[in-house]
N, C-alpha and C. Protein backbone atom coordinates (compact mmCIF):
# COMPACT_ATOMS: atom_id res chain seq x y z
N MET A 1 0.97 -1.29 0.29
CA MET A 1 0.16 0.23 -0.20
C MET A 1 0.80 0.90 -0.02
N SER A 2 0.58 2.47 -0.09
CA SER A 2 0.69 3.63 -0.77
C SER A 2 1.74 4.20 0.91
N GLU A 3 2.46 4.67 0.76
CA GLU A 3 3.01 5.27 1.99
C GLU A 3 2.48 7.00 1.77
N GLU A 4 2.34 7.45 1.13
CA GLU A 4 2.04 9.12 0.45
C GLU A 4 0.61 9.47 1.08
N LYS A 5 1.26 10.69 1.31
CA LYS A 5 0.43 11.69 2.09
C LYS A 5 -1.49 11.45 1.73
N PRO A 6 -1.93 11.52 3.05
CA PRO A 6 -3.66 10.62 3.13
C PRO A 6 -4.10 11.86 2.16
N LEU A 7 -4.87 10.17 1.69
CA LEU A 7 -6.04 10.61 0.19
C LEU A 7 -7.13 11.74 1.28
N ARG A 8 -7.85 12.72 0.53
CA ARG A 8 -9.19 12.91 0.99
C ARG A 8 -9.71 13.34 -0.58
N LEU A 9 -10.56 12.39 -0.15
CA LEU A 9 -11.15 12.21 -1.01
C LEU A 9 -13.16 12.12 -1.06
N VAL A 10 -13.72 12.84 -1.65
CA VAL A 10 -15.37 12.62 -1.77
C VAL A 10 -15.71 11.48 -2.85
N LEU A 11 -16.73 10.70 -2.53
CA LEU A 11 -17.33 9.73 -3.00
C LEU A 11 -18.28 9.86 -3.12
N ALA A 12 -19.20 9.39 -4.25
CA ALA A 12 -20.53 9.61 -4.48
C ALA A 12 -21.37 8.38 -5.07
N MET A 13 -22.45 7.70 -4.65
CA MET A 13 -23.48 6.65 -5.55
C MET A 13 -24.40 6.90 -5.92
N ALA A 14 -23.90 6.88 -7.41
CA ALA A 14 -25.44 7.65 -8.03
C ALA A 14 -26.44 6.30 -8.11
N GLY A 15 -27.46 6.46 -8.44
CA GLY A 15 -28.51 5.09 -8.89
C GLY A 15 -28.36 4.45 -9.90
N ALA A 16 -27.26 4.16 -10.56
CA ALA A 16 -26.98 3.15 -11.71
C ALA A 16 -26.91 1.58 -10.85
N SER A 17 -26.65 0.76 -11.95
CA SER A 17 -26.43 -0.55 -11.84
C SER A 17 -24.88 -0.21 -11.36
N GLY A 18 -24.54 -1.97 -10.53
CA GLY A 18 -22.88 -1.79 -10.13
C GLY A 18 -22.48 -1.37 -8.89
N SER A 19 -23.15 -1.95 -8.13
CA SER A 19 -22.91 -1.52 -6.83
C SER A 19 -21.67 -2.46 -6.41
N ILE A 20 -21.22 -3.76 -6.96
CA ILE A 20 -20.05 -3.86 -6.65
C ILE A 20 -18.69 -3.21 -6.49
N TYR A 21 -18.77 -2.31 -7.63
CA TYR A 21 -17.70 -1.49 -7.95
C TYR A 21 -17.43 -0.50 -6.73
N ALA A 22 -18.71 -0.03 -6.22
CA ALA A 22 -18.87 0.90 -4.97
C ALA A 22 -18.41 0.22 -4.22
N ALA A 23 -18.88 -0.87 -3.73
CA ALA A 23 -18.43 -2.10 -2.59
C ALA A 23 -16.90 -2.21 -2.59
N ARG A 24 -16.73 -3.12 -3.56
CA ARG A 24 -14.93 -3.22 -3.38
C ARG A 24 -14.02 -1.67 -3.30
N PHE A 25 -14.73 -0.47 -3.78
CA PHE A 25 -13.65 0.53 -3.39
C PHE A 25 -14.04 1.10 -2.03
N ILE A 26 -15.12 1.14 -1.77
CA ILE A 26 -14.85 1.15 -0.03
C ILE A 26 -13.84 0.37 0.12
N ARG A 27 -14.42 -0.72 0.20
CA ARG A 27 -13.34 -1.72 1.18
C ARG A 27 -12.03 -1.85 1.07
N ALA A 28 -11.23 -1.20 -0.17
CA ALA A 28 -9.84 -0.64 -0.74
C ALA A 28 -9.58 0.63 0.12
N LEU A 29 -10.46 1.75 0.19
CA LEU A 29 -10.44 2.61 0.71
C LEU A 29 -9.98 2.81 2.39
N MET A 30 -10.74 1.71 2.88
CA MET A 30 -10.82 1.08 4.25
C MET A 30 -9.46 1.36 4.96
N GLU A 31 -8.49 0.66 3.85
CA GLU A 31 -7.34 0.47 4.32
C GLU A 31 -6.14 1.02 4.16
N ILE A 32 -6.53 2.28 3.41
CA ILE A 32 -5.71 3.32 3.18
C ILE A 32 -5.26 4.64 4.15
N PRO A 33 -4.88 5.22 4.63
CA PRO A 33 -4.25 6.36 5.08
C PRO A 33 -5.58 7.57 4.29
N GLY A 34 -5.98 8.34 5.29
CA GLY A 34 -7.14 9.45 4.72
C GLY A 34 -8.38 9.34 5.15
N GLU A 35 -9.42 10.18 5.01
CA GLU A 35 -10.98 10.41 4.72
C GLU A 35 -11.68 10.80 3.38
N THR A 36 -12.51 10.52 3.59
CA THR A 36 -13.82 10.16 2.86
C THR A 36 -15.18 10.78 3.49
N TRP A 37 -15.40 11.93 2.44
CA TRP A 37 -17.37 12.26 2.49
C TRP A 37 -18.13 11.43 2.03
N PHE A 38 -18.53 11.00 1.69
CA PHE A 38 -19.46 9.66 1.41
C PHE A 38 -20.82 10.28 0.84
N VAL A 39 -21.55 9.96 -0.09
CA VAL A 39 -22.53 10.86 -0.36
C VAL A 39 -23.45 9.54 -1.09
N PRO A 40 -24.20 8.94 -0.57
CA PRO A 40 -24.72 7.94 -1.66
C PRO A 40 -26.68 8.94 -2.00
N SER A 41 -27.08 8.47 -3.44
CA SER A 41 -28.52 9.17 -3.06
C SER A 41 -29.13 7.67 -3.07
N PRO A 42 -30.39 8.36 -2.70
CA PRO A 42 -31.91 7.27 -2.27
C PRO A 42 -31.46 6.71 -3.56
N ALA A 43 -31.40 6.58 -4.38
CA ALA A 43 -31.40 5.52 -5.87
C ALA A 43 -30.42 4.77 -5.70
N SER A 44 -29.30 5.06 -5.12
CA SER A 44 -28.20 4.17 -5.20
C SER A 44 -28.48 3.26 -4.21
N ILE A 45 -28.47 3.91 -3.31
CA ILE A 45 -29.09 2.51 -2.16
C ILE A 45 -30.34 1.33 -2.36
N ARG A 46 -31.17 2.13 -2.91
CA ARG A 46 -32.25 1.07 -3.72
C ARG A 46 -31.42 -0.10 -3.89
N VAL A 47 -30.43 0.52 -4.68
CA VAL A 47 -29.62 -0.29 -5.95
C VAL A 47 -28.95 -1.06 -5.11
N PHE A 48 -27.99 -0.71 -4.43
CA PHE A 48 -27.62 -1.82 -3.58
C PHE A 48 -28.15 -2.76 -2.76
N LYS A 49 -29.33 -2.31 -2.36
CA LYS A 49 -30.13 -3.12 -1.35
C LYS A 49 -30.84 -4.29 -2.10
N GLU A 50 -30.54 -4.24 -3.40
CA GLU A 50 -31.36 -4.85 -4.96
C GLU A 50 -30.28 -6.20 -5.07
N GLU A 51 -29.01 -5.31 -5.18
CA GLU A 51 -28.02 -6.29 -6.05
C GLU A 51 -27.89 -7.03 -4.88
N TYR A 52 -27.32 -6.48 -3.82
CA TYR A 52 -27.13 -7.10 -2.81
C TYR A 52 -27.80 -8.25 -1.79
N GLU A 53 -29.18 -7.88 -2.42
CA GLU A 53 -30.35 -8.78 -1.48
C GLU A 53 -29.95 -8.59 0.22
N THR A 54 -29.50 -7.27 0.63
CA THR A 54 -29.42 -6.88 2.09
C THR A 54 -30.69 -5.46 2.15
N ASN A 55 -30.39 -5.30 3.23
CA ASN A 55 -31.44 -4.44 3.60
C ASN A 55 -31.23 -3.02 4.32
N VAL A 56 -30.16 -2.37 3.75
CA VAL A 56 -29.67 -1.21 3.97
C VAL A 56 -30.37 -0.36 3.85
N GLN A 57 -30.04 1.14 4.43
CA GLN A 57 -31.40 1.82 4.87
C GLN A 57 -30.77 3.39 4.54
N THR A 58 -29.32 3.46 5.06
CA THR A 58 -28.24 4.65 4.83
C THR A 58 -27.18 4.12 4.38
N GLY A 59 -26.18 5.66 3.46
CA GLY A 59 -24.78 5.30 3.60
C GLY A 59 -24.09 4.25 5.06
N GLU A 60 -24.44 4.73 6.19
CA GLU A 60 -23.81 4.35 7.31
C GLU A 60 -24.13 3.12 7.18
N ASP A 61 -25.31 2.61 6.62
CA ASP A 61 -25.81 0.98 6.77
C ASP A 61 -24.23 0.47 5.64
N ILE A 62 -24.30 1.14 4.39
CA ILE A 62 -23.55 0.36 3.22
C ILE A 62 -21.90 0.19 3.93
N ILE A 63 -21.56 1.05 4.18
CA ILE A 63 -20.22 1.51 5.15
C ILE A 63 -19.91 0.05 6.29
N GLU A 64 -21.29 -0.13 6.96
CA GLU A 64 -21.34 -1.52 7.89
C GLU A 64 -21.24 -2.20 7.20
N PHE A 65 -21.82 -2.92 6.17
CA PHE A 65 -21.80 -4.04 5.25
C PHE A 65 -20.58 -4.06 4.93
N VAL A 66 -19.84 -3.26 4.57
CA VAL A 66 -19.28 -3.69 3.41
C VAL A 66 -17.81 -3.78 4.88
N ARG A 67 -18.00 -3.61 5.67
CA ARG A 67 -16.93 -3.71 7.01
C ARG A 67 -17.22 -5.46 7.23
N LYS A 68 -18.44 -5.55 7.26
CA LYS A 68 -18.59 -7.46 7.73
C LYS A 68 -18.38 -8.14 6.73
N LYS A 69 -18.91 -7.91 5.86
CA LYS A 69 -18.39 -9.12 4.77
C LYS A 69 -16.93 -9.19 4.29
N TRP A 70 -16.29 -8.03 4.47
CA TRP A 70 -15.31 -7.98 3.85
C TRP A 70 -13.86 -7.88 5.18
N ASN A 71 -14.25 -7.77 6.21
CA ASN A 71 -13.37 -7.23 7.34
C ASN A 71 -12.02 -6.75 7.54
N PRO A 72 -12.03 -5.58 6.33
CA PRO A 72 -10.80 -5.11 5.88
C PRO A 72 -9.89 -4.11 7.25
N LYS A 73 -9.10 -3.70 7.41
CA LYS A 73 -8.46 -2.99 8.25
C LYS A 73 -8.96 -1.88 8.45
N GLN A 74 -9.22 -0.70 9.50
CA GLN A 74 -10.17 0.39 9.36
C GLN A 74 -9.22 1.61 9.66
N THR A 75 -8.66 1.71 8.74
CA THR A 75 -7.50 2.63 8.90
C THR A 75 -8.22 3.93 8.30
N HIS A 76 -9.25 3.91 7.33
CA HIS A 76 -9.26 5.16 6.82
C HIS A 76 -11.01 5.45 7.63
N LYS A 77 -11.20 7.35 7.67
CA LYS A 77 -12.00 7.92 8.07
C LYS A 77 -13.18 8.03 6.80
N PHE A 78 -14.72 7.67 7.23
CA PHE A 78 -15.69 7.96 6.21
C PHE A 78 -16.78 9.00 7.48
N HIS A 79 -16.87 10.18 6.19
CA HIS A 79 -17.43 11.02 7.04
C HIS A 79 -18.83 11.03 6.27
N LEU A 80 -19.95 10.53 6.58
CA LEU A 80 -21.38 10.63 5.96
C LEU A 80 -22.50 12.38 5.51
N ARG A 81 -22.55 12.52 4.59
CA ARG A 81 -23.05 13.18 4.24
C ARG A 81 -24.50 13.08 3.23
N LYS A 82 -25.79 13.61 3.76
CA LYS A 82 -26.41 13.83 3.39
C LYS A 82 -26.98 14.47 1.64
N PHE A 83 -27.70 13.22 1.12
CA PHE A 83 -27.68 13.65 -0.14
C PHE A 83 -28.70 15.17 -0.80
N GLU A 84 -29.43 15.63 -0.11
CA GLU A 84 -30.18 16.61 -0.02
C GLU A 84 -29.51 17.71 0.66
N ASP A 85 -28.17 17.84 1.39
CA ASP A 85 -28.12 18.99 2.04
C ASP A 85 -26.89 19.59 0.62
N ILE A 86 -27.37 20.67 0.52
CA ILE A 86 -26.66 21.48 -0.29
C ILE A 86 -26.03 22.49 0.49
N GLY A 87 -26.03 22.90 1.31
CA GLY A 87 -25.68 23.48 2.48
C GLY A 87 -24.65 22.87 3.20
N ALA A 88 -23.75 21.47 2.71
CA ALA A 88 -22.13 20.56 3.33
C ALA A 88 -21.26 21.21 3.19
N ASP A 89 -20.50 20.90 3.87
CA ASP A 89 -19.06 21.36 4.30
C ASP A 89 -18.84 21.18 2.32
N ILE A 90 -19.09 19.93 1.82
CA ILE A 90 -18.86 19.65 0.64
C ILE A 90 -19.18 20.53 -0.76
N ALA A 91 -19.74 21.24 -0.37
CA ALA A 91 -20.39 21.97 -1.09
C ALA A 91 -19.89 23.86 -1.80
N SER A 92 -18.80 23.45 -0.98
CA SER A 92 -18.17 24.33 -0.89
C SER A 92 -16.75 24.50 -1.24
N GLY A 93 -15.61 25.33 -2.07
CA GLY A 93 -14.77 25.32 -2.73
C GLY A 93 -13.67 25.52 -1.53
N SER A 94 -14.26 26.39 -0.71
CA SER A 94 -13.31 26.70 0.59
C SER A 94 -12.60 25.30 1.49
N ASN A 95 -13.45 24.10 1.18
CA ASN A 95 -13.13 22.88 1.42
C ASN A 95 -11.88 22.74 0.34
N ILE A 96 -11.09 21.54 1.35
CA ILE A 96 -9.86 20.83 0.60
C ILE A 96 -10.13 19.27 -0.05
N TRP A 97 -10.47 19.00 -1.02
CA TRP A 97 -10.55 17.51 -1.26
C TRP A 97 -9.29 17.39 -2.42
N ASP A 98 -8.72 16.03 -2.69
CA ASP A 98 -7.80 15.78 -4.20
C ASP A 98 -9.27 15.55 -4.87
N GLY A 99 -9.71 14.74 -4.91
CA GLY A 99 -11.25 14.17 -6.02
C GLY A 99 -11.62 14.19 -5.98
N MET A 100 -12.80 14.07 -6.54
CA MET A 100 -14.03 13.06 -6.23
C MET A 100 -14.40 12.12 -7.40
N VAL A 101 -15.34 11.24 -6.63
CA VAL A 101 -15.54 10.06 -7.57
C VAL A 101 -16.68 9.93 -7.62
N VAL A 102 -17.54 9.61 -8.69
CA VAL A 102 -19.09 8.86 -8.54
C VAL A 102 -19.17 7.68 -9.23
N LEU A 103 -19.07 6.55 -8.26
CA LEU A 103 -19.27 5.35 -8.23
C LEU A 103 -20.47 4.31 -8.10
N PRO A 104 -21.23 3.86 -8.59
CA PRO A 104 -21.44 4.13 -10.35
C PRO A 104 -22.15 5.64 -10.26
N CYS A 105 -21.65 5.26 -11.92
CA CYS A 105 -22.81 7.07 -12.00
C CYS A 105 -23.41 7.14 -13.29
N SER A 106 -24.47 7.47 -12.35
CA SER A 106 -25.67 7.44 -13.68
C SER A 106 -25.92 8.66 -14.82
N MET A 107 -26.48 8.07 -15.68
CA MET A 107 -26.73 8.87 -16.84
C MET A 107 -27.39 10.01 -16.82
N LYS A 108 -28.27 9.95 -15.57
CA LYS A 108 -29.23 11.32 -15.17
C LYS A 108 -28.05 12.16 -14.61
N THR A 109 -27.29 11.40 -13.65
CA THR A 109 -25.93 12.37 -12.94
C THR A 109 -25.15 13.29 -13.53
N VAL A 110 -24.91 11.96 -14.53
CA VAL A 110 -23.79 13.03 -15.76
C VAL A 110 -24.48 13.84 -16.37
N ALA A 111 -25.54 13.79 -16.97
CA ALA A 111 -26.50 15.14 -17.51
C ALA A 111 -26.64 16.35 -16.86
N ALA A 112 -26.43 16.18 -15.53
CA ALA A 112 -27.10 17.19 -14.62
C ALA A 112 -25.48 17.78 -14.49
N ILE A 113 -24.41 17.33 -13.99
CA ILE A 113 -23.04 17.95 -13.90
C ILE A 113 -22.90 18.44 -15.20
N ARG A 114 -23.23 18.13 -16.59
CA ARG A 114 -23.18 18.38 -17.57
C ARG A 114 -23.61 20.17 -17.81
N ILE A 115 -24.62 19.67 -17.40
CA ILE A 115 -25.79 21.05 -17.39
C ILE A 115 -25.29 22.02 -16.86
N GLY A 116 -24.84 21.81 -15.76
CA GLY A 116 -24.36 23.05 -14.26
C GLY A 116 -25.41 22.42 -13.39
N ILE A 117 -26.88 21.92 -13.26
CA ILE A 117 -27.37 21.40 -12.16
C ILE A 117 -27.00 21.45 -11.29
N THR A 118 -27.50 22.07 -9.90
CA THR A 118 -27.43 21.77 -8.58
C THR A 118 -28.40 21.26 -7.69
N GLU A 119 -29.01 20.91 -7.96
CA GLU A 119 -29.89 20.39 -6.95
C GLU A 119 -29.87 19.46 -5.84
N ASN A 120 -28.73 18.63 -5.76
CA ASN A 120 -28.55 17.61 -4.49
C ASN A 120 -27.18 17.76 -4.38
N LEU A 121 -26.28 16.91 -3.08
CA LEU A 121 -25.19 17.52 -3.38
C LEU A 121 -24.34 16.60 -3.72
N ILE A 122 -24.83 15.30 -4.42
CA ILE A 122 -23.46 15.40 -5.41
C ILE A 122 -22.98 15.54 -6.53
N GLU A 123 -24.57 16.49 -6.96
CA GLU A 123 -24.45 17.37 -8.33
C GLU A 123 -23.92 19.11 -8.22
N ARG A 124 -23.70 19.56 -6.63
CA ARG A 124 -22.89 20.36 -6.34
C ARG A 124 -21.63 20.30 -6.17
N ALA A 125 -21.30 18.72 -5.64
CA ALA A 125 -19.99 19.00 -5.15
C ALA A 125 -19.09 18.55 -6.55
N ALA A 126 -19.94 17.71 -7.18
CA ALA A 126 -19.07 17.69 -8.47
C ALA A 126 -18.83 18.78 -9.50
N ASP A 127 -20.05 19.81 -9.03
CA ASP A 127 -19.81 21.42 -9.85
C ASP A 127 -18.21 21.40 -9.37
N VAL A 128 -18.63 21.42 -7.71
CA VAL A 128 -17.15 22.58 -7.44
C VAL A 128 -16.21 22.22 -7.23
N THR A 129 -16.05 20.51 -7.69
CA THR A 129 -14.88 20.29 -7.92
C THR A 129 -14.21 20.41 -9.53
N LEU A 130 -15.02 20.67 -10.04
CA LEU A 130 -14.55 21.19 -11.47
C LEU A 130 -14.29 22.52 -11.88
N LYS A 131 -14.84 23.34 -10.98
CA LYS A 131 -14.73 25.10 -11.10
C LYS A 131 -13.21 24.84 -10.26
N GLU A 132 -13.26 24.23 -9.42
CA GLU A 132 -11.71 24.26 -8.06
C GLU A 132 -10.44 23.52 -9.01
N ARG A 133 -10.70 22.93 -10.39
CA ARG A 133 -9.97 22.23 -10.67
C ARG A 133 -9.16 21.13 -9.81
N ARG A 134 -10.15 20.34 -9.98
CA ARG A 134 -9.71 19.05 -9.03
C ARG A 134 -10.25 18.16 -10.15
N LYS A 135 -9.56 16.98 -9.10
CA LYS A 135 -9.71 15.59 -10.31
C LYS A 135 -11.58 14.96 -10.20
N LEU A 136 -12.17 15.42 -10.90
CA LEU A 136 -13.82 14.62 -11.00
C LEU A 136 -13.43 13.21 -12.10
N ILE A 137 -13.35 11.68 -11.01
CA ILE A 137 -13.61 10.88 -11.77
C ILE A 137 -15.62 10.73 -12.03
N LEU A 138 -16.02 10.23 -13.18
CA LEU A 138 -17.38 9.65 -13.10
C LEU A 138 -17.13 8.74 -13.58
N VAL A 139 -17.56 6.95 -13.33
CA VAL A 139 -17.91 5.94 -13.40
C VAL A 139 -19.13 5.55 -13.55
N PRO A 140 -19.61 5.61 -15.04
CA PRO A 140 -21.01 5.04 -15.91
C PRO A 140 -20.74 4.20 -15.78
N ARG A 141 -22.13 3.02 -15.78
CA ARG A 141 -22.32 1.67 -16.40
C ARG A 141 -23.60 1.55 -16.68
N GLU A 142 -23.24 1.74 -18.14
CA GLU A 142 -24.29 1.93 -18.81
C GLU A 142 -23.84 1.40 -20.05
N THR A 143 -25.36 0.38 -20.78
CA THR A 143 -24.73 0.27 -21.75
C THR A 143 -25.71 -0.46 -22.94
N PRO A 144 -26.38 0.24 -23.92
CA PRO A 144 -25.51 1.02 -25.00
C PRO A 144 -25.38 2.11 -24.59
N TYR A 145 -24.74 3.09 -24.77
CA TYR A 145 -25.02 4.84 -25.18
C TYR A 145 -25.25 5.44 -26.19
N ASN A 146 -26.36 6.29 -25.97
CA ASN A 146 -27.15 6.45 -27.09
C ASN A 146 -26.34 8.10 -27.46
N ARG A 147 -26.90 8.93 -28.30
CA ARG A 147 -26.34 10.33 -28.58
C ARG A 147 -26.00 11.11 -27.15
N ILE A 148 -27.30 11.26 -26.73
CA ILE A 148 -27.28 12.26 -25.51
C ILE A 148 -26.38 11.83 -24.41
N HIS A 149 -26.05 10.53 -24.21
CA HIS A 149 -24.91 10.08 -23.14
C HIS A 149 -23.72 10.12 -23.98
N LEU A 150 -23.27 10.17 -24.83
CA LEU A 150 -21.84 10.36 -25.56
C LEU A 150 -21.63 11.61 -25.54
N GLU A 151 -22.63 12.60 -25.56
CA GLU A 151 -22.57 14.28 -25.85
C GLU A 151 -22.48 14.78 -24.57
N ASN A 152 -23.28 14.31 -23.43
CA ASN A 152 -22.59 14.57 -22.15
C ASN A 152 -21.36 14.32 -21.96
N MET A 153 -21.37 13.40 -22.02
CA MET A 153 -19.52 12.90 -21.20
C MET A 153 -18.65 13.49 -22.20
N LEU A 154 -18.81 13.45 -23.63
CA LEU A 154 -17.57 14.54 -24.45
C LEU A 154 -17.95 15.62 -23.58
N ALA A 155 -18.85 16.37 -23.37
CA ALA A 155 -18.58 17.69 -22.94
C ALA A 155 -18.12 18.15 -21.15
N LEU A 156 -18.32 16.97 -20.37
CA LEU A 156 -17.68 16.63 -19.62
C LEU A 156 -15.82 16.59 -19.41
N HIS A 157 -15.77 15.69 -20.35
CA HIS A 157 -14.06 15.50 -20.73
C HIS A 157 -13.72 16.57 -20.92
N ASP A 158 -14.31 17.43 -21.70
CA ASP A 158 -13.48 19.04 -22.19
C ASP A 158 -13.55 19.63 -20.66
N ALA A 159 -14.58 19.78 -20.28
CA ALA A 159 -14.87 20.54 -19.07
C ALA A 159 -13.97 20.16 -17.97
N GLY A 160 -12.75 18.54 -17.90
CA GLY A 160 -12.01 18.61 -17.45
C GLY A 160 -12.44 17.02 -16.49
N ALA A 161 -13.40 16.64 -16.85
CA ALA A 161 -13.84 15.45 -15.41
C ALA A 161 -12.89 14.36 -16.56
N ILE A 162 -12.61 13.56 -15.79
CA ILE A 162 -12.31 11.95 -16.49
C ILE A 162 -13.53 11.02 -16.66
N ILE A 163 -13.88 10.44 -17.63
CA ILE A 163 -14.81 9.24 -17.61
C ILE A 163 -14.35 7.95 -17.96
N ALA A 164 -14.33 7.36 -16.78
CA ALA A 164 -13.87 6.09 -16.85
C ALA A 164 -15.21 4.88 -16.18
N PRO A 165 -15.42 4.84 -18.11
CA PRO A 165 -16.31 3.33 -17.51
C PRO A 165 -16.20 2.06 -16.95
N ALA A 166 -17.53 1.62 -16.20
CA ALA A 166 -17.36 0.02 -15.60
C ALA A 166 -17.26 -0.83 -15.97
N SER A 167 -15.72 -0.87 -17.16
CA SER A 167 -15.22 -1.56 -18.02
C SER A 167 -14.26 -2.57 -17.65
N PRO A 168 -14.23 -3.29 -16.96
CA PRO A 168 -12.84 -4.17 -16.41
C PRO A 168 -13.00 -5.29 -17.39
N GLY A 169 -11.27 -5.25 -17.41
CA GLY A 169 -10.13 -5.94 -17.96
C GLY A 169 -10.38 -7.53 -17.79
N PHE A 170 -10.25 -8.24 -18.74
CA PHE A 170 -9.70 -9.64 -18.36
C PHE A 170 -8.59 -10.55 -18.48
N TYR A 171 -7.56 -9.79 -18.90
CA TYR A 171 -6.07 -10.65 -18.94
C TYR A 171 -5.88 -10.89 -17.70
N GLN A 172 -6.39 -10.41 -16.61
CA GLN A 172 -5.89 -10.70 -15.05
C GLN A 172 -6.24 -11.92 -14.84
N MET A 173 -7.29 -12.50 -15.12
CA MET A 173 -7.99 -13.78 -15.06
C MET A 173 -8.51 -14.18 -14.23
N PRO A 174 -10.04 -12.83 -14.21
CA PRO A 174 -10.64 -13.01 -12.83
C PRO A 174 -11.15 -14.11 -12.70
N GLN A 175 -11.07 -14.15 -11.10
CA GLN A 175 -12.09 -15.77 -10.71
C GLN A 175 -13.58 -15.43 -10.48
N SER A 176 -13.91 -14.27 -9.60
CA SER A 176 -14.86 -13.57 -9.30
C SER A 176 -15.14 -12.55 -10.12
N LEU A 177 -16.89 -12.04 -9.48
CA LEU A 177 -16.95 -10.72 -9.66
C LEU A 177 -16.51 -9.90 -8.64
N GLU A 178 -16.18 -10.05 -7.32
CA GLU A 178 -15.13 -9.05 -6.89
C GLU A 178 -13.91 -9.21 -7.54
N ASP A 179 -12.87 -9.53 -8.44
CA ASP A 179 -12.27 -9.63 -8.95
C ASP A 179 -12.31 -8.18 -10.30
N LEU A 180 -13.20 -8.29 -10.37
CA LEU A 180 -13.79 -7.43 -11.53
C LEU A 180 -14.32 -6.22 -10.95
N GLY A 181 -14.61 -6.06 -9.99
CA GLY A 181 -14.67 -4.94 -8.71
C GLY A 181 -13.45 -4.34 -8.19
N ASP A 182 -12.28 -4.88 -8.06
CA ASP A 182 -10.60 -5.10 -7.84
C ASP A 182 -10.24 -4.21 -8.59
N PHE A 183 -10.34 -5.03 -9.80
CA PHE A 183 -10.16 -4.36 -11.21
C PHE A 183 -10.16 -2.30 -11.74
N MET A 184 -11.85 -1.95 -10.91
CA MET A 184 -11.83 -0.58 -11.71
C MET A 184 -11.74 -0.45 -9.98
N ALA A 185 -11.47 -0.70 -9.35
CA ALA A 185 -11.13 -0.03 -8.03
C ALA A 185 -9.43 0.57 -8.10
N THR A 186 -8.87 -0.50 -8.53
CA THR A 186 -7.20 -0.37 -8.99
C THR A 186 -7.10 0.77 -10.09
N ARG A 187 -7.99 0.70 -11.09
CA ARG A 187 -8.04 1.89 -12.03
C ARG A 187 -8.34 3.21 -11.16
N ILE A 188 -9.14 3.22 -10.68
CA ILE A 188 -9.55 4.69 -10.35
C ILE A 188 -8.47 5.32 -8.96
N PHE A 189 -7.90 3.89 -8.49
CA PHE A 189 -6.62 4.95 -7.19
C PHE A 189 -5.39 5.12 -8.19
N ARG A 190 -5.13 4.66 -9.47
CA ARG A 190 -4.74 4.97 -10.39
C ARG A 190 -4.45 6.40 -10.42
N LEU A 191 -5.73 6.83 -10.92
CA LEU A 191 -6.22 7.86 -11.93
C LEU A 191 -6.13 9.04 -10.54
N LEU A 192 -6.57 8.63 -9.02
CA LEU A 192 -5.99 9.57 -8.15
C LEU A 192 -5.02 9.80 -7.90
N GLY A 193 -3.60 9.12 -8.46
CA GLY A 193 -2.60 8.89 -8.55
C GLY A 193 -1.60 7.58 -6.80
N LYS A 194 -2.25 6.95 -6.59
CA LYS A 194 -2.28 6.39 -5.31
C LYS A 194 -2.09 4.73 -6.18
N GLU A 195 -0.37 4.45 -6.27
CA GLU A 195 -0.17 2.68 -6.51
C GLU A 195 -0.80 1.98 -5.68
N ILE A 196 -2.01 1.41 -5.78
CA ILE A 196 -2.74 0.76 -5.23
C ILE A 196 -3.14 -0.94 -6.20
N ASP A 197 -2.06 -2.08 -5.83
CA ASP A 197 -2.59 -2.76 -6.98
C ASP A 197 -3.43 -4.05 -6.27
N PHE A 198 -4.79 -4.36 -7.19
CA PHE A 198 -5.20 -5.56 -6.56
C PHE A 198 -4.96 -6.87 -7.67
N TYR A 199 -4.37 -6.68 -9.05
CA TYR A 199 -3.68 -7.41 -9.72
C TYR A 199 -2.52 -6.86 -10.98
N PRO A 200 -2.13 -7.99 -11.21
CA PRO A 200 -0.72 -7.95 -12.76
C PRO A 200 -1.14 -6.32 -13.30
N ARG A 201 -0.21 -5.72 -13.49
CA ARG A 201 -0.25 -5.23 -14.59
C ARG A 201 0.08 -5.48 -15.78
N TRP A 202 -0.49 -5.17 -16.93
CA TRP A 202 -0.13 -6.15 -18.39
C TRP A 202 1.48 -6.44 -18.32
N ASN A 203 1.50 -7.16 -18.79
CA ASN A 203 3.42 -7.38 -19.24
C ASN A 203 3.66 -8.88 -20.46
N PRO A 204 3.67 -8.59 -20.84
CA PRO A 204 3.43 -9.22 -22.30
C PRO A 204 4.65 -9.82 -22.39
């Protein structure tokens, strides 16, 4: 694991399928120094509940679910923030974080960020992240993309966001769905400048 300065991150979950990607990323976060402001949308909690067949109701429940399921070391600190609280600390650029990840990211959230709509804390924090020139990583889990999706993502790319679709590779010979989640977690960490490896690098 990296011994670099602690990571300060905003992590949001929007209402797209792909809860395994968020769960495995949270599990990995727990084992590195730093702190994360965590904002799940109501739709993302519903999807998480259905995809993991669990009864989570809140962001706190998701964090606890991950802890109990995989029992990682608990080095990282999580700050839970409410989706509807557009006056929270991470709604202001006067607070500092290294980057923001929306994992998974719905097409509705992509569209809202692209247009500059800030009706909830995910949209507002993403808007702040862009205007402060910090890393914004959006992880859509959708297929196929229509023209509107593609145009929105291109506009966000041009505005400085990183579009990292949940498209895991298979050259690492995954043995489980969790391996696919770890592939995406590793790619996101590398985009954030953290050398955390859950699978071998490509070395033909």
